[in-house]
Amino acid sequence: MSRQEVRKLAGAAPAQPIEEKRAKRRHRVFLAGKISHGGYTTDCTIRDLNDVGARVHIPSAIGLPDEVSLLILREGLVVRCKRIWARPPLYGLAFVEAEDIQSARRAHHVALRQVWLDWTSRQSS
């Protein structure tokens, strides 16, 4: 007997596909990043990404505050983010504001510039 036939006999409605709750679909990526908050910076891996948010993997984080900065190393972009959800070591972030790391003006983002410069020099050698 097929699953459909079993559902009919049991009076169950046909299975519905999982509804996507995001306004924009994320794309799978595997990018190196840095998460920074309160003077603390840690490595992360960006797993999913679109222009309004990201899913990041942070193996060393016990918790993440409501607001953080995400440095996307390959792009040289620093993004102020809000934590939307947390299932450690995975976190969902919504983008608030982005700026190029080379022209960053916020004091906290300027400090990340050296992290990015160190990373780019290791990549080129």
PDB file of N, CA and C in Angstrom:
ATOM      1  N   MET A   1       0.848  -1.176   0.000  1.00  0.00           N
ATOM      2  CA  MET A   1       0.000   0.000   0.000  1.00  0.00           C
ATOM      3  C   MET A   1       0.897   1.244   0.000  1.00  0.00           C
ATOM      4  N   SER A   2       0.545   2.219  -0.812  1.00  0.00           N
ATOM      5  CA  SER A   2       1.355   3.440  -0.913  1.00  0.00           C
ATOM      6  C   SER A   2       1.084   4.381   0.263  1.00  0.00           C
ATOM      7  N   ARG A   3       1.961   5.363   0.446  1.00  0.00           N
ATOM      8  CA  ARG A   3       1.775   6.351   1.510  1.00  0.00           C
ATOM      9  C   ARG A   3       0.497   7.147   1.297  1.00  0.00           C
ATOM     10  N   GLN A   4       0.203   7.487   0.030  1.00  0.00           N
ATOM     11  CA  GLN A   4      -1.021   8.233  -0.265  1.00  0.00           C
ATOM     12  C   GLN A   4      -2.250   7.436   0.144  1.00  0.00           C
ATOM     13  N   GLU A   5      -2.228   6.167  -0.148  1.00  0.00           N
ATOM     14  CA  GLU A   5      -3.367   5.313   0.213  1.00  0.00           C
ATOM     15  C   GLU A   5      -3.505   5.230   1.730  1.00  0.00           C
ATOM     16  N   VAL A   6      -2.390   5.145   2.430  1.00  0.00           N
ATOM     17  CA  VAL A   6      -2.420   5.106   3.899  1.00  0.00           C
ATOM     18  C   VAL A   6      -2.999   6.402   4.438  1.00  0.00           C
ATOM     19  N   ARG A   7      -2.577   7.526   3.874  1.00  0.00           N
ATOM     20  CA  ARG A   7      -3.101   8.829   4.324  1.00  0.00           C
ATOM     21  C   ARG A   7      -4.609   8.923   4.092  1.00  0.00           C
ATOM     22  N   LYS A   8      -5.061   8.442   2.929  1.00  0.00           N
ATOM     23  CA  LYS A   8      -6.497   8.477   2.629  1.00  0.00           C
ATOM     24  C   LYS A   8      -7.269   7.654   3.642  1.00  0.00           C
ATOM     25  N   LEU A   9      -6.768   6.457   3.936  1.00  0.00           N
ATOM     26  CA  LEU A   9      -7.441   5.593   4.906  1.00  0.00           C
ATOM     27  C   LEU A   9      -7.454   6.223   6.292  1.00  0.00           C
ATOM     28  N   ALA A  10      -6.376   6.903   6.636  1.00  0.00           N
ATOM     29  CA  ALA A  10      -6.279   7.517   7.958  1.00  0.00           C
ATOM     30  C   ALA A  10      -6.986   8.867   8.005  1.00  0.00           C
ATOM     31  N   GLY A  11      -7.423   9.361   6.837  1.00  0.00           N
ATOM     32  CA  GLY A  11      -8.103  10.643   6.799  1.00  0.00           C
ATOM     33  C   GLY A  11      -7.156  11.822   6.905  1.00  0.00           C
ATOM     34  N   ALA A  12      -5.870  11.573   6.666  1.00  0.00           N
ATOM     35  CA  ALA A  12      -4.877  12.643   6.785  1.00  0.00           C
ATOM     36  C   ALA A  12      -4.820  13.459   5.499  1.00  0.00           C
ATOM     37  N   ALA A  13      -4.556  14.717   5.652  1.00  0.00           N
ATOM     38  CA  ALA A  13      -4.385  15.593   4.492  1.00  0.00           C
ATOM     39  C   ALA A  13      -3.041  15.292   3.851  1.00  0.00           C
ATOM     40  N   PRO A  14      -2.915  15.500   2.543  1.00  0.00           N
ATOM     41  CA  PRO A  14      -1.630  15.284   1.898  1.00  0.00           C
ATOM     42  C   PRO A  14      -0.561  16.196   2.488  1.00  0.00           C
ATOM     43  N   ALA A  15       0.647  15.671   2.522  1.00  0.00           N
ATOM     44  CA  ALA A  15       1.758  16.448   3.082  1.00  0.00           C
ATOM     45  C   ALA A  15       1.972  17.715   2.262  1.00  0.00           C
ATOM     46  N   GLN A  16       2.162  18.827   2.959  1.00  0.00           N
ATOM     47  CA  GLN A  16       2.416  20.105   2.315  1.00  0.00           C
ATOM     48  C   GLN A  16       3.914  20.385   2.354  1.00  0.00           C
ATOM     49  N   PRO A  17       4.448  21.012   1.314  1.00  0.00           N
ATOM     50  CA  PRO A  17       5.859  21.365   1.358  1.00  0.00           C
ATOM     51  C   PRO A  17       6.120  22.381   2.463  1.00  0.00           C
ATOM     52  N   ILE A  18       7.329  22.369   2.976  1.00  0.00           N
ATOM     53  CA  ILE A  18       7.698  23.318   4.031  1.00  0.00           C
ATOM     54  C   ILE A  18       7.648  24.724   3.462  1.00  0.00           C
ATOM     55  N   GLU A  19       6.985  25.609   4.177  1.00  0.00           N
ATOM     56  CA  GLU A  19       6.839  26.981   3.713  1.00  0.00           C
ATOM     57  C   GLU A  19       8.095  27.790   4.035  1.00  0.00           C
ATOM     58  N   GLU A  20       8.601  28.490   3.067  1.00  0.00           N
ATOM     59  CA  GLU A  20       9.765  29.360   3.253  1.00  0.00           C
ATOM     60  C   GLU A  20       9.288  30.645   3.918  1.00  0.00           C
ATOM     61  N   LYS A  21       9.862  30.987   5.066  1.00  0.00           N
ATOM     62  CA  LYS A  21       9.445  32.178   5.800  1.00  0.00           C
ATOM     63  C   LYS A  21      10.271  33.405   5.453  1.00  0.00           C
ATOM     64  N   ARG A  22      11.409  33.212   4.827  1.00  0.00           N
ATOM     65  CA  ARG A  22      12.253  34.346   4.456  1.00  0.00           C
ATOM     66  C   ARG A  22      11.657  35.082   3.266  1.00  0.00           C
ATOM     67  N   ALA A  23      11.858  36.397   3.272  1.00  0.00           N
ATOM     68  CA  ALA A  23      11.390  37.203   2.143  1.00  0.00           C
ATOM     69  C   ALA A  23      12.230  36.903   0.899  1.00  0.00           C
ATOM     70  N   LYS A  24      13.506  36.615   1.103  1.00  0.00           N
ATOM     71  CA  LYS A  24      14.402  36.301  -0.013  1.00  0.00           C
ATOM     72  C   LYS A  24      15.132  35.004   0.290  1.00  0.00           C
ATOM     73  N   ARG A  25      15.253  34.179  -0.710  1.00  0.00           N
ATOM     74  CA  ARG A  25      15.918  32.893  -0.553  1.00  0.00           C
ATOM     75  C   ARG A  25      17.422  33.093  -0.360  1.00  0.00           C
ATOM     76  N   ARG A  26      17.998  32.336   0.562  1.00  0.00           N
ATOM     77  CA  ARG A  26      19.444  32.382   0.769  1.00  0.00           C
ATOM     78  C   ARG A  26      20.126  31.386  -0.157  1.00  0.00           C
ATOM     79  N   HIS A  27      21.376  31.686  -0.480  1.00  0.00           N
ATOM     80  CA  HIS A  27      22.167  30.820  -1.340  1.00  0.00           C
ATOM     81  C   HIS A  27      23.271  30.190  -0.505  1.00  0.00           C
ATOM     82  N   ARG A  28      23.501  28.911  -0.739  1.00  0.00           N
ATOM     83  CA  ARG A  28      24.556  28.213  -0.009  1.00  0.00           C
ATOM     84  C   ARG A  28      25.912  28.758  -0.432  1.00  0.00           C
ATOM     85  N   VAL A  29      26.724  29.046   0.567  1.00  0.00           N
ATOM     86  CA  VAL A  29      28.083  29.516   0.335  1.00  0.00           C
ATOM     87  C   VAL A  29      28.976  28.866   1.380  1.00  0.00           C
ATOM     88  N   PHE A  30      30.246  29.056   1.238  1.00  0.00           N
ATOM     89  CA  PHE A  30      31.220  28.588   2.227  1.00  0.00           C
ATOM     90  C   PHE A  30      32.310  29.648   2.270  1.00  0.00           C
ATOM     91  N   LEU A  31      32.050  30.717   3.032  1.00  0.00           N
ATOM     92  CA  LEU A  31      32.947  31.871   3.084  1.00  0.00           C
ATOM     93  C   LEU A  31      33.513  32.057   4.481  1.00  0.00           C
ATOM     94  N   ALA A  32      34.776  32.455   4.531  1.00  0.00           N
ATOM     95  CA  ALA A  32      35.411  32.772   5.808  1.00  0.00           C
ATOM     96  C   ALA A  32      34.927  34.131   6.281  1.00  0.00           C
ATOM     97  N   GLY A  33      34.735  34.239   7.579  1.00  0.00           N
ATOM     98  CA  GLY A  33      34.300  35.503   8.151  1.00  0.00           C
ATOM     99  C   GLY A  33      34.811  35.667   9.563  1.00  0.00           C
ATOM    100  N   LYS A  34      34.547  36.826  10.098  1.00  0.00           N
ATOM    101  CA  LYS A  34      34.855  37.136  11.493  1.00  0.00           C
ATOM    102  C   LYS A  34      33.618  37.775  12.102  1.00  0.00           C
ATOM    103  N   ILE A  35      33.277  37.356  13.301  1.00  0.00           N
ATOM    104  CA  ILE A  35      32.198  37.962  14.066  1.00  0.00           C
ATOM    105  C   ILE A  35      32.845  38.782  15.161  1.00  0.00           C
ATOM    106  N   SER A  36      32.376  39.999  15.321  1.00  0.00           N
ATOM    107  CA  SER A  36      32.960  40.890  16.310  1.00  0.00           C
ATOM    108  C   SER A  36      31.855  41.526  17.150  1.00  0.00           C
ATOM    109  N   HIS A  37      32.096  41.560  18.454  1.00  0.00           N
ATOM    110  CA  HIS A  37      31.175  42.237  19.379  1.00  0.00           C
ATOM    111  C   HIS A  37      31.905  42.526  20.680  1.00  0.00           C
ATOM    112  N   GLY A  38      31.692  43.698  21.210  1.00  0.00           N
ATOM    113  CA  GLY A  38      32.263  44.063  22.506  1.00  0.00           C
ATOM    114  C   GLY A  38      33.763  43.891  22.604  1.00  0.00           C
ATOM    115  N   GLY A  39      34.500  44.190  21.534  1.00  0.00           N
ATOM    116  CA  GLY A  39      35.951  44.059  21.562  1.00  0.00           C
ATOM    117  C   GLY A  39      36.451  42.634  21.370  1.00  0.00           C
ATOM    118  N   TYR A  40      35.551  41.702  21.171  1.00  0.00           N
ATOM    119  CA  TYR A  40      35.901  40.296  20.992  1.00  0.00           C
ATOM    120  C   TYR A  40      35.661  39.911  19.531  1.00  0.00           C
ATOM    121  N   THR A  41      36.616  39.239  18.911  1.00  0.00           N
ATOM    122  CA  THR A  41      36.486  38.804  17.524  1.00  0.00           C
ATOM    123  C   THR A  41      36.765  37.309  17.443  1.00  0.00           C
ATOM    124  N   THR A  42      35.921  36.592  16.689  1.00  0.00           N
ATOM    125  CA  THR A  42      36.091  35.156  16.532  1.00  0.00           C
ATOM    126  C   THR A  42      35.841  34.755  15.077  1.00  0.00           C
ATOM    127  N   ASP A  43      36.413  33.631  14.683  1.00  0.00           N
ATOM    128  CA  ASP A  43      36.218  33.107  13.335  1.00  0.00           C
ATOM    129  C   ASP A  43      34.802  32.575  13.172  1.00  0.00           C
ATOM    130  N   CYS A  44      34.324  32.653  11.948  1.00  0.00           N
ATOM    131  CA  CYS A  44      33.048  32.027  11.621  1.00  0.00           C
ATOM    132  C   CYS A  44      33.087  31.579  10.165  1.00  0.00           C
ATOM    133  N   THR A  45      32.150  30.738   9.814  1.00  0.00           N
ATOM    134  CA  THR A  45      31.964  30.318   8.428  1.00  0.00           C
ATOM    135  C   THR A  45      30.561  30.736   8.022  1.00  0.00           C
ATOM    136  N   ILE A  46      30.467  31.454   6.921  1.00  0.00           N
ATOM    137  CA  ILE A  46      29.169  31.877   6.407  1.00  0.00           C
ATOM    138  C   ILE A  46      28.665  30.743   5.540  1.00  0.00           C
ATOM    139  N   ARG A  47      27.505  30.189   5.895  1.00  0.00           N
ATOM    140  CA  ARG A  47      26.966  29.011   5.217  1.00  0.00           C
ATOM    141  C   ARG A  47      25.898  29.344   4.191  1.00  0.00           C
ATOM    142  N   ASP A  48      25.035  30.297   4.509  1.00  0.00           N
ATOM    143  CA  ASP A  48      23.977  30.742   3.598  1.00  0.00           C
ATOM    144  C   ASP A  48      24.012  32.261   3.587  1.00  0.00           C
ATOM    145  N   LEU A  49      23.658  32.846   2.420  1.00  0.00           N
ATOM    146  CA  LEU A  49      23.793  34.288   2.292  1.00  0.00           C
ATOM    147  C   LEU A  49      22.821  34.819   1.252  1.00  0.00           C
ATOM    148  N   ASN A  50      22.236  35.979   1.540  1.00  0.00           N
ATOM    149  CA  ASN A  50      21.533  36.766   0.534  1.00  0.00           C
ATOM    150  C   ASN A  50      21.767  38.234   0.883  1.00  0.00           C
ATOM    151  N   ASP A  51      21.094  39.147   0.218  1.00  0.00           N
ATOM    152  CA  ASP A  51      21.396  40.554   0.456  1.00  0.00           C
ATOM    153  C   ASP A  51      20.756  41.115   1.726  1.00  0.00           C
ATOM    154  N   VAL A  52      19.983  40.318   2.461  1.00  0.00           N
ATOM    155  CA  VAL A  52      19.374  40.799   3.698  1.00  0.00           C
ATOM    156  C   VAL A  52      19.792  40.015   4.942  1.00  0.00           C
ATOM    157  N   GLY A  53      20.550  38.923   4.773  1.00  0.00           N
ATOM    158  CA  GLY A  53      20.944  38.156   5.944  1.00  0.00           C
ATOM    159  C   GLY A  53      21.834  36.982   5.626  1.00  0.00           C
ATOM    160  N   ALA A  54      22.206  36.261   6.695  1.00  0.00           N
ATOM    161  CA  ALA A  54      23.117  35.134   6.551  1.00  0.00           C
ATOM    162  C   ALA A  54      22.900  34.132   7.678  1.00  0.00           C
ATOM    163  N   ARG A  55      23.320  32.908   7.412  1.00  0.00           N
ATOM    164  CA  ARG A  55      23.413  31.879   8.450  1.00  0.00           C
ATOM    165  C   ARG A  55      24.889  31.630   8.639  1.00  0.00           C
ATOM    166  N   VAL A  56      25.360  31.741   9.877  1.00  0.00           N
ATOM    167  CA  VAL A  56      26.784  31.568  10.153  1.00  0.00           C
ATOM    168  C   VAL A  56      26.996  30.435  11.147  1.00  0.00           C
ATOM    169  N   HIS A  57      28.154  29.811  11.023  1.00  0.00           N
ATOM    170  CA  HIS A  57      28.584  28.754  11.931  1.00  0.00           C
ATOM    171  C   HIS A  57      29.725  29.320  12.763  1.00  0.00           C
ATOM    172  N   ILE A  58      29.531  29.343  14.089  1.00  0.00           N
ATOM    173  CA  ILE A  58      30.539  29.885  15.002  1.00  0.00           C
ATOM    174  C   ILE A  58      30.844  28.814  16.038  1.00  0.00           C
ATOM    175  N   PRO A  59      31.871  27.999  15.788  1.00  0.00           N
ATOM    176  CA  PRO A  59      32.123  26.867  16.681  1.00  0.00           C
ATOM    177  C   PRO A  59      32.538  27.265  18.097  1.00  0.00           C
ATOM    178  N   SER A  60      33.137  28.431  18.260  1.00  0.00           N
ATOM    179  CA  SER A  60      33.665  28.796  19.574  1.00  0.00           C
ATOM    180  C   SER A  60      32.706  29.650  20.393  1.00  0.00           C
ATOM    181  N   ALA A  61      31.553  30.018  19.854  1.00  0.00           N
ATOM    182  CA  ALA A  61      30.647  30.922  20.573  1.00  0.00           C
ATOM    183  C   ALA A  61      29.718  30.148  21.501  1.00  0.00           C
ATOM    184  N   ILE A  62      29.645  30.591  22.730  1.00  0.00           N
ATOM    185  CA  ILE A  62      28.686  30.033  23.678  1.00  0.00           C
ATOM    186  C   ILE A  62      27.346  30.732  23.473  1.00  0.00           C
ATOM    187  N   GLY A  63      27.409  32.015  23.254  1.00  0.00           N
ATOM    188  CA  GLY A  63      26.221  32.814  22.986  1.00  0.00           C
ATOM    189  C   GLY A  63      26.616  33.982  22.115  1.00  0.00           C
ATOM    190  N   LEU A  64      25.651  34.616  21.545  1.00  0.00           N
ATOM    191  CA  LEU A  64      25.912  35.749  20.672  1.00  0.00           C
ATOM    192  C   LEU A  64      24.948  36.860  21.076  1.00  0.00           C
ATOM    193  N   PRO A  65      25.449  38.089  21.246  1.00  0.00           N
ATOM    194  CA  PRO A  65      24.543  39.177  21.634  1.00  0.00           C
ATOM    195  C   PRO A  65      23.570  39.513  20.506  1.00  0.00           C
ATOM    196  N   ASP A  66      22.636  40.401  20.800  1.00  0.00           N
ATOM    197  CA  ASP A  66      21.610  40.774  19.824  1.00  0.00           C
ATOM    198  C   ASP A  66      22.178  41.483  18.603  1.00  0.00           C
ATOM    199  N   GLU A  67      23.280  42.204  18.772  1.00  0.00           N
ATOM    200  CA  GLU A  67      23.872  42.921  17.646  1.00  0.00           C
ATOM    201  C   GLU A  67      25.367  42.621  17.556  1.00  0.00           C
ATOM    202  N   VAL A  68      25.828  42.317  16.346  1.00  0.00           N
ATOM    203  CA  VAL A  68      27.234  41.983  16.089  1.00  0.00           C
ATOM    204  C   VAL A  68      27.658  42.601  14.762  1.00  0.00           C
ATOM    205  N   SER A  69      28.947  42.553  14.506  1.00  0.00           N
ATOM    206  CA  SER A  69      29.485  42.931  13.196  1.00  0.00           C
ATOM    207  C   SER A  69      30.022  41.672  12.536  1.00  0.00           C
ATOM    208  N   LEU A  70      29.722  41.510  11.261  1.00  0.00           N
ATOM    209  CA  LEU A  70      30.188  40.378  10.471  1.00  0.00           C
ATOM    210  C   LEU A  70      31.125  40.910   9.404  1.00  0.00           C
ATOM    211  N   LEU A  71      32.359  40.434   9.423  1.00  0.00           N
ATOM    212  CA  LEU A  71      33.336  40.789   8.400  1.00  0.00           C
ATOM    213  C   LEU A  71      33.397  39.637   7.402  1.00  0.00           C
ATOM    214  N   ILE A  72      32.991  39.905   6.166  1.00  0.00           N
ATOM    215  CA  ILE A  72      33.068  38.912   5.100  1.00  0.00           C
ATOM    216  C   ILE A  72      34.427  39.122   4.447  1.00  0.00           C
ATOM    217  N   LEU A  73      35.366  38.263   4.779  1.00  0.00           N
ATOM    218  CA  LEU A  73      36.769  38.482   4.434  1.00  0.00           C
ATOM    219  C   LEU A  73      37.007  38.603   2.935  1.00  0.00           C
ATOM    220  N   ARG A  74      36.509  37.680   2.147  1.00  0.00           N
ATOM    221  CA  ARG A  74      36.769  37.690   0.707  1.00  0.00           C
ATOM    222  C   ARG A  74      36.250  38.957   0.038  1.00  0.00           C
ATOM    223  N   GLU A  75      35.133  39.478   0.541  1.00  0.00           N
ATOM    224  CA  GLU A  75      34.512  40.653  -0.058  1.00  0.00           C
ATOM    225  C   GLU A  75      35.070  41.960   0.500  1.00  0.00           C
ATOM    226  N   GLY A  76      35.756  41.896   1.635  1.00  0.00           N
ATOM    227  CA  GLY A  76      36.221  43.127   2.276  1.00  0.00           C
ATOM    228  C   GLY A  76      35.055  43.994   2.712  1.00  0.00           C
ATOM    229  N   LEU A  77      34.028  43.357   3.248  1.00  0.00           N
ATOM    230  CA  LEU A  77      32.790  44.031   3.616  1.00  0.00           C
ATOM    231  C   LEU A  77      32.499  43.756   5.083  1.00  0.00           C
ATOM    232  N   VAL A  78      32.173  44.803   5.823  1.00  0.00           N
ATOM    233  CA  VAL A  78      31.783  44.631   7.218  1.00  0.00           C
ATOM    234  C   VAL A  78      30.312  45.036   7.338  1.00  0.00           C
ATOM    235  N   VAL A  79      29.534  44.168   8.003  1.00  0.00           N
ATOM    236  CA  VAL A  79      28.088  44.344   8.076  1.00  0.00           C
ATOM    237  C   VAL A  79      27.652  44.345   9.530  1.00  0.00           C
ATOM    238  N   ARG A  80      26.934  45.387   9.910  1.00  0.00           N
ATOM    239  CA  ARG A  80      26.310  45.413  11.237  1.00  0.00           C
ATOM    240  C   ARG A  80      25.063  44.547  11.130  1.00  0.00           C
ATOM    241  N   CYS A  81      24.900  43.602  12.079  1.00  0.00           N
ATOM    242  CA  CYS A  81      23.827  42.602  11.994  1.00  0.00           C
ATOM    243  C   CYS A  81      23.055  42.500  13.299  1.00  0.00           C
ATOM    244  N   LYS A  82      21.821  42.028  13.189  1.00  0.00           N
ATOM    245  CA  LYS A  82      21.020  41.653  14.353  1.00  0.00           C
ATOM    246  C   LYS A  82      20.863  40.138  14.336  1.00  0.00           C
ATOM    247  N   ARG A  83      21.047  39.539  15.506  1.00  0.00           N
ATOM    248  CA  ARG A  83      20.828  38.092  15.638  1.00  0.00           C
ATOM    249  C   ARG A  83      19.332  37.835  15.621  1.00  0.00           C
ATOM    250  N   ILE A  84      18.889  36.993  14.696  1.00  0.00           N
ATOM    251  CA  ILE A  84      17.475  36.668  14.555  1.00  0.00           C
ATOM    252  C   ILE A  84      17.134  35.372  15.278  1.00  0.00           C
ATOM    253  N   TRP A  85      18.005  34.401  15.162  1.00  0.00           N
ATOM    254  CA  TRP A  85      17.798  33.129  15.837  1.00  0.00           C
ATOM    255  C   TRP A  85      19.150  32.524  16.196  1.00  0.00           C
ATOM    256  N   ALA A  86      19.118  31.586  17.137  1.00  0.00           N
ATOM    257  CA  ALA A  86      20.348  30.924  17.578  1.00  0.00           C
ATOM    258  C   ALA A  86      20.056  29.464  17.880  1.00  0.00           C
ATOM    259  N   ARG A  87      20.822  28.598  17.250  1.00  0.00           N
ATOM    260  CA  ARG A  87      20.866  27.168  17.541  1.00  0.00           C
ATOM    261  C   ARG A  87      22.335  26.796  17.512  1.00  0.00           C
ATOM    262  N   PRO A  88      23.077  27.209  18.581  1.00  0.00           N
ATOM    263  CA  PRO A  88      24.536  27.055  18.569  1.00  0.00           C
ATOM    264  C   PRO A  88      24.959  25.681  18.076  1.00  0.00           C
ATOM    265  N   PRO A  89      25.913  25.658  17.192  1.00  0.00           N
ATOM    266  CA  PRO A  89      26.831  26.702  16.743  1.00  0.00           C
ATOM    267  C   PRO A  89      26.343  27.496  15.527  1.00  0.00           C
ATOM    268  N   LEU A  90      25.040  27.362  15.145  1.00  0.00           N
ATOM    269  CA  LEU A  90      24.508  28.103  13.999  1.00  0.00           C
ATOM    270  C   LEU A  90      23.695  29.297  14.470  1.00  0.00           C
ATOM    271  N   TYR A  91      23.818  30.404  13.715  1.00  0.00           N
ATOM    272  CA  TYR A  91      23.116  31.632  14.058  1.00  0.00           C
ATOM    273  C   TYR A  91      22.573  32.277  12.791  1.00  0.00           C
ATOM    274  N   GLY A  92      21.371  32.825  12.878  1.00  0.00           N
ATOM    275  CA  GLY A  92      20.782  33.569  11.773  1.00  0.00           C
ATOM    276  C   GLY A  92      20.940  35.054  12.021  1.00  0.00           C
ATOM    277  N   LEU A  93      21.467  35.757  11.045  1.00  0.00           N
ATOM    278  CA  LEU A  93      21.712  37.193  11.172  1.00  0.00           C
ATOM    279  C   LEU A  93      20.950  37.958  10.111  1.00  0.00           C
ATOM    280  N   ALA A  94      20.384  39.099  10.502  1.00  0.00           N
ATOM    281  CA  ALA A  94      19.751  40.024   9.553  1.00  0.00           C
ATOM    282  C   ALA A  94      20.673  41.224   9.409  1.00  0.00           C
ATOM    283  N   PHE A  95      20.911  41.632   8.175  1.00  0.00           N
ATOM    284  CA  PHE A  95      21.815  42.746   7.913  1.00  0.00           C
ATOM    285  C   PHE A  95      21.114  44.075   8.196  1.00  0.00           C
ATOM    286  N   VAL A  96      21.841  44.953   8.889  1.00  0.00           N
ATOM    287  CA  VAL A  96      21.326  46.277   9.213  1.00  0.00           C
ATOM    288  C   VAL A  96      21.983  47.329   8.335  1.00  0.00           C
ATOM    289  N   GLU A  97      23.317  47.255   8.259  1.00  0.00           N
ATOM    290  CA  GLU A  97      24.076  48.270   7.527  1.00  0.00           C
ATOM    291  C   GLU A  97      25.414  47.667   7.116  1.00  0.00           C
ATOM    292  N   ALA A  98      25.856  47.973   5.897  1.00  0.00           N
ATOM    293  CA  ALA A  98      27.125  47.430   5.401  1.00  0.00           C
ATOM    294  C   ALA A  98      28.017  48.567   4.930  1.00  0.00           C
ATOM    295  N   GLU A  99      29.327  48.349   5.060  1.00  0.00           N
ATOM    296  CA  GLU A  99      30.289  49.304   4.512  1.00  0.00           C
ATOM    297  C   GLU A  99      31.563  48.577   4.112  1.00  0.00           C
ATOM    298  N   ASP A 100      32.207  49.106   3.109  1.00  0.00           N
ATOM    299  CA  ASP A 100      33.479  48.567   2.639  1.00  0.00           C
ATOM    300  C   ASP A 100      34.497  48.730   3.760  1.00  0.00           C
ATOM    301  N   ILE A 101      35.257  47.690   4.028  1.00  0.00           N
ATOM    302  CA  ILE A 101      36.206  47.724   5.136  1.00  0.00           C
ATOM    303  C   ILE A 101      37.292  48.775   4.935  1.00  0.00           C
ATOM    304  N   GLN A 102      37.634  49.056   3.699  1.00  0.00           N
ATOM    305  CA  GLN A 102      38.692  50.040   3.436  1.00  0.00           C
ATOM    306  C   GLN A 102      38.235  51.465   3.721  1.00  0.00           C
ATOM    307  N   SER A 103      36.947  51.725   3.644  1.00  0.00           N
ATOM    308  CA  SER A 103      36.451  53.073   3.914  1.00  0.00           C
ATOM    309  C   SER A 103      35.625  53.135   5.194  1.00  0.00           C
ATOM    310  N   ALA A 104      35.725  52.109   6.043  1.00  0.00           N
ATOM    311  CA  ALA A 104      34.945  52.047   7.278  1.00  0.00           C
ATOM    312  C   ALA A 104      35.235  53.248   8.165  1.00  0.00           C
ATOM    313  N   ARG A 105      34.183  53.816   8.732  1.00  0.00           N
ATOM    314  CA  ARG A 105      34.318  54.997   9.595  1.00  0.00           C
ATOM    315  C   ARG A 105      34.036  54.693  11.065  1.00  0.00           C
ATOM    316  N   ARG A 106      33.177  53.723  11.320  1.00  0.00           N
ATOM    317  CA  ARG A 106      32.880  53.382  12.721  1.00  0.00           C
ATOM    318  C   ARG A 106      34.156  52.873  13.390  1.00  0.00           C
ATOM    319  N   ALA A 107      34.385  53.313  14.605  1.00  0.00           N
ATOM    320  CA  ALA A 107      35.620  52.936  15.314  1.00  0.00           C
ATOM    321  C   ALA A 107      35.783  51.426  15.393  1.00  0.00           C
ATOM    322  N   HIS A 108      34.710  50.734  15.669  1.00  0.00           N
ATOM    323  CA  HIS A 108      34.765  49.277  15.801  1.00  0.00           C
ATOM    324  C   HIS A 108      35.103  48.626  14.454  1.00  0.00           C
ATOM    325  N   HIS A 109      34.559  49.156  13.379  1.00  0.00           N
ATOM    326  CA  HIS A 109      34.833  48.603  12.055  1.00  0.00           C
ATOM    327  C   HIS A 109      36.248  48.932  11.593  1.00  0.00           C
ATOM    328  N   VAL A 110      36.742  50.103  11.981  1.00  0.00           N
ATOM    329  CA  VAL A 110      38.116  50.464  11.637  1.00  0.00           C
ATOM    330  C   VAL A 110      39.085  49.464  12.269  1.00  0.00           C
ATOM    331  N   ALA A 111      38.782  49.021  13.491  1.00  0.00           N
ATOM    332  CA  ALA A 111      39.629  48.021  14.155  1.00  0.00           C
ATOM    333  C   ALA A 111      39.637  46.703  13.386  1.00  0.00           C
ATOM    334  N   LEU A 112      38.538  46.374  12.721  1.00  0.00           N
ATOM    335  CA  LEU A 112      38.482  45.143  11.937  1.00  0.00           C
ATOM    336  C   LEU A 112      39.309  45.244  10.654  1.00  0.00           C
ATOM    337  N   ARG A 113      39.618  46.454  10.240  1.00  0.00           N
ATOM    338  CA  ARG A 113      40.400  46.637   9.011  1.00  0.00           C
ATOM    339  C   ARG A 113      41.736  45.900   9.111  1.00  0.00           C
ATOM    340  N   GLN A 114      42.394  45.962  10.277  1.00  0.00           N
ATOM    341  CA  GLN A 114      43.681  45.281  10.439  1.00  0.00           C
ATOM    342  C   GLN A 114      43.521  43.769  10.331  1.00  0.00           C
ATOM    343  N   VAL A 115      42.429  43.241  10.857  1.00  0.00           N
ATOM    344  CA  VAL A 115      42.142  41.808  10.733  1.00  0.00           C
ATOM    345  C   VAL A 115      42.040  41.446   9.253  1.00  0.00           C
ATOM    346  N   TRP A 116      41.328  42.273   8.490  1.00  0.00           N
ATOM    347  CA  TRP A 116      41.157  42.027   7.059  1.00  0.00           C
ATOM    348  C   TRP A 116      42.494  42.146   6.317  1.00  0.00           C
ATOM    349  N   LEU A 117      43.297  43.170   6.653  1.00  0.00           N
ATOM    350  CA  LEU A 117      44.606  43.344   6.011  1.00  0.00           C
ATOM    351  C   LEU A 117      45.515  42.144   6.277  1.00  0.00           C
ATOM    352  N   ASP A 118      45.514  41.659   7.511  1.00  0.00           N
ATOM    353  CA  ASP A 118      46.313  40.473   7.849  1.00  0.00           C
ATOM    354  C   ASP A 118      45.844  39.263   7.029  1.00  0.00           C
ATOM    355  N   TRP A 119      44.532  39.085   6.917  1.00  0.00           N
ATOM    356  CA  TRP A 119      43.979  37.962   6.165  1.00  0.00           C
ATOM    357  C   TRP A 119      44.359  38.057   4.676  1.00  0.00           C
ATOM    358  N   THR A 120      44.217  39.242   4.090  1.00  0.00           N
ATOM    359  CA  THR A 120      44.530  39.386   2.663  1.00  0.00           C
ATOM    360  C   THR A 120      46.022  39.169   2.390  1.00  0.00           C
ATOM    361  N   SER A 121      46.889  39.577   3.329  1.00  0.00           N
ATOM    362  CA  SER A 121      48.322  39.360   3.112  1.00  0.00           C
ATOM    363  C   SER A 121      48.653  37.874   3.175  1.00  0.00           C
ATOM    364  N   ARG A 122      47.966  37.093   4.020  1.00  0.00           N
ATOM    365  CA  ARG A 122      48.182  35.642   4.075  1.00  0.00           C
ATOM    366  C   ARG A 122      47.670  34.960   2.803  1.00  0.00           C
ATOM    367  N   GLN A 123      46.593  35.482   2.237  1.00  0.00           N
ATOM    368  CA  GLN A 123      46.017  34.892   1.021  1.00  0.00           C
ATOM    369  C   GLN A 123      46.917  35.101  -0.188  1.00  0.00           C
ATOM    370  N   SER A 124      47.618  36.229  -0.225  1.00  0.00           N
ATOM    371  CA  SER A 124      48.452  36.530  -1.379  1.00  0.00           C
ATOM    372  C   SER A 124      49.833  35.893  -1.313  1.00  0.00           C
ATOM    373  N   SER A 125      50.221  35.384  -0.150  1.00  0.00           N
ATOM    374  CA  SER A 125      51.552  34.766  -0.061  1.00  0.00           C
ATOM    375  C   SER A 125      51.522  33.280  -0.287  1.00  0.00           C
TER     376      SER A 125
END
